[in-house]
Protein backbone atom coordinates (compact mmCIF):
# COMPACT_ATOMS: atom_id res chain seq x y z
CA MET A 1 -0.25 32.27 -3.02
CA ARG A 2 1.18 32.23 -6.52
CA ARG A 3 -1.23 32.48 -9.44
CA LEU A 4 -1.07 29.83 -12.14
CA TYR A 5 -2.79 29.84 -15.56
CA LEU A 6 -3.38 26.56 -17.44
CA ASP A 7 -3.83 26.61 -21.18
CA THR A 8 -5.98 24.02 -22.91
CA SER A 9 -3.05 21.71 -23.78
CA VAL A 10 -2.47 20.88 -20.12
CA ILE A 11 -6.13 20.04 -19.48
CA SER A 12 -6.37 17.97 -22.66
CA ALA A 13 -3.24 16.01 -21.77
CA TYR A 14 -4.86 14.85 -18.52
CA TYR A 15 -7.10 12.53 -20.56
CA ASP A 16 -4.94 11.97 -23.66
CA ASP A 17 -4.68 8.24 -24.35
CA ARG A 18 -2.43 8.85 -27.38
CA GLU A 19 0.48 9.96 -25.19
CA PRO A 20 0.49 7.86 -21.98
CA GLU A 21 3.76 9.37 -20.69
CA LYS A 22 2.53 12.96 -21.09
CA ARG A 23 -0.80 11.95 -19.50
CA ALA A 24 1.06 10.49 -16.49
CA GLN A 25 3.26 13.60 -16.20
CA THR A 26 0.19 15.83 -16.37
CA ARG A 27 -1.59 13.84 -13.68
CA GLU A 28 1.49 14.07 -11.47
CA PHE A 29 1.61 17.84 -12.12
CA TRP A 30 -2.09 18.10 -11.19
CA LYS A 31 -1.27 17.02 -7.61
CA LYS A 32 0.82 20.21 -7.21
CA LEU A 33 -2.05 22.54 -8.06
CA LYS A 34 -3.31 22.65 -4.48
CA ASP A 35 -0.39 24.98 -3.71
CA TYR A 36 -1.54 27.57 -6.28
CA GLU A 37 -4.46 29.79 -7.18
CA VAL A 38 -5.38 28.21 -10.54
CA TYR A 39 -6.93 30.07 -13.46
CA ILE A 40 -8.27 29.24 -16.88
CA SER A 41 -10.12 31.52 -19.30
CA GLU A 42 -13.15 31.67 -21.48
CA ILE A 43 -10.93 30.73 -24.45
CA THR A 44 -9.97 27.56 -22.53
CA ILE A 45 -13.62 26.63 -22.13
CA THR A 46 -14.31 27.42 -25.81
CA GLU A 47 -11.43 25.18 -26.89
CA LEU A 48 -12.47 22.39 -24.55
CA ASN A 49 -16.00 22.52 -25.95
CA ARG A 50 -14.60 21.77 -29.43
CA GLU A 51 -13.94 18.19 -28.28
CA LYS A 52 -16.04 15.93 -30.49
CA SER A 53 -16.50 13.20 -27.87
CA ILE A 54 -19.19 14.32 -25.44
CA GLU A 55 -17.72 12.04 -22.74
CA LYS A 56 -14.21 13.49 -23.09
CA ARG A 57 -15.55 17.04 -23.34
CA ASP A 58 -17.51 16.59 -20.10
CA GLN A 59 -14.48 15.07 -18.37
CA LYS A 60 -12.25 17.97 -19.36
CA VAL A 61 -14.76 20.67 -18.48
CA SER A 62 -15.50 19.09 -15.08
CA LEU A 63 -11.76 18.91 -14.39
CA VAL A 64 -11.51 22.73 -14.44
CA MET A 65 -14.83 23.69 -12.81
CA GLU A 66 -13.15 24.65 -9.53
CA PHE A 67 -10.67 27.01 -11.20
CA TYR A 68 -11.15 30.74 -11.61
CA GLU A 69 -12.26 31.72 -15.12
CA LEU A 70 -10.84 34.88 -16.70
CA ARG A 71 -12.50 36.90 -19.46
CA ILE A 72 -11.28 38.34 -22.73
CA THR A 73 -11.25 42.12 -22.39
CA GLU A 74 -10.33 45.09 -24.55
CA LYS A 75 -6.90 45.22 -22.86
CA VAL A 76 -6.37 41.55 -23.71
CA GLY A 77 -7.26 42.28 -27.35
CA ARG A 78 -4.73 45.11 -27.55
CA LEU A 79 -1.98 42.89 -26.13
CA VAL A 80 -2.90 40.10 -28.58
CA ASP A 81 -2.64 42.64 -31.42
CA ALA A 82 0.87 43.55 -30.24
CA TYR A 83 1.95 39.89 -30.24
CA LEU A 84 0.56 39.38 -33.72
CA GLU A 85 2.04 42.65 -35.09
CA HIS A 86 5.49 41.70 -33.78
CA ASN A 87 5.17 38.13 -35.12
CA ILE A 88 5.64 36.67 -31.65
CA ILE A 89 2.67 34.39 -32.33
CA PRO A 90 1.53 33.70 -35.92
CA LYS A 91 -1.89 35.19 -36.76
CA LYS A 92 -3.16 31.68 -37.54
CA TYR A 93 -2.63 30.79 -33.85
CA GLU A 94 -4.34 33.78 -32.27
CA GLY A 95 -5.78 31.49 -29.58
CA ASP A 96 -2.27 30.93 -28.25
CA ALA A 97 -1.75 34.69 -28.08
CA LEU A 98 -5.07 35.00 -26.23
CA HIS A 99 -3.94 32.59 -23.51
CA ILE A 100 -0.74 34.55 -22.96
CA ALA A 101 -2.40 37.96 -23.00
CA ILE A 102 -5.18 36.90 -20.63
CA ALA A 103 -2.57 35.62 -18.16
CA ILE A 104 -0.50 38.78 -18.34
CA ILE A 105 -3.41 41.24 -18.13
CA ASN A 106 -4.68 39.37 -15.06
CA ASP A 107 -1.36 39.48 -13.23
CA ILE A 108 -0.75 35.74 -13.37
CA ASP A 109 2.66 34.58 -12.17
CA ILE A 110 3.07 31.41 -14.23
CA LEU A 111 1.50 30.20 -17.49
CA VAL A 112 1.68 26.40 -17.91
CA SER A 113 1.39 24.80 -21.33
CA TRP A 114 2.43 21.73 -23.30
CA ASN A 115 2.50 23.88 -26.47
CA PHE A 116 6.19 23.97 -27.39
CA LYS A 117 5.51 25.26 -30.91
CA HIS A 118 4.18 28.72 -29.99
CA ILE A 119 4.10 29.20 -26.20
CA VAL A 120 6.76 27.32 -24.21
CA LYS A 121 9.68 28.39 -26.33
CA LEU A 122 12.61 30.69 -25.56
CA LYS A 123 11.84 33.18 -28.37
CA THR A 124 8.20 33.51 -27.24
CA LYS A 125 9.13 33.88 -23.56
CA ARG A 126 11.64 36.65 -24.27
CA GLU A 127 9.48 38.57 -26.72
CA VAL A 128 6.28 38.28 -24.68
CA ASN A 129 8.09 39.63 -21.62
CA ALA A 130 9.65 42.44 -23.67
CA ILE A 131 6.20 43.52 -24.88
CA SER A 132 4.86 43.21 -21.32
CA ILE A 133 7.50 45.59 -20.03
CA LEU A 134 6.93 48.03 -22.88
CA GLU A 135 3.18 47.97 -22.20
CA GLY A 136 3.63 48.47 -18.45
CA TYR A 137 2.84 44.94 -17.31
CA LYS A 138 4.94 42.60 -15.19
CA THR A 139 6.75 39.66 -16.76
CA ILE A 140 5.45 36.10 -16.62
CA GLU A 141 7.06 32.72 -16.32
CA ILE A 142 6.04 30.41 -19.16
CA ILE A 143 6.73 26.75 -18.43
CA CYS A 144 5.64 23.19 -19.18
CA PRO A 145 4.15 21.04 -16.40
CA LEU A 146 7.48 19.25 -15.82
CA GLU A 147 9.11 22.53 -14.76
CA LEU A 148 6.76 23.27 -11.89
C-alpha cells in the first residue's frame, strides 16, 4: 500500500468555509484515502492546535486521529537544515521544510498539500528531490489533492 503524508493545509481545507470549492475538493479527496496508508506528524498536530476556535480545532484534530503520527528526529533536522541552506524553503517557513523532511525521512511515497507557495511548486519538487538523492534518500511525489 502506498504511503501518503498530509500537511496541515489539507486538513484545514476540509473545514474551511472561506473557500467552499477547495473544501469540496478536499472532501472528495478524503474519500480516496482508504486506498493509502496515511501519515501526519507532530508538526501537523502542533499547527492544528494553533486554531483559535476550540470547535474547529477539535474537528480538525479528530479528523486525523486514525492516521499514523510521525516524529521530528535528528535526521529530520539535518534535512531541514539542508533545505534552508540551499534556499529551497525560506527560513521564515521552516514548518514547511519540516513537513517535507519528515515525509522523506520516513520513506513516504506522496506528500499532499494545498501550499502552492512553498511546497507544491516545480522548483521545490526538483530541489527537494535533488537533496534527497544527494543525502541518500528516495525521491518523493509532491502533489495537491486534485492530483491524486
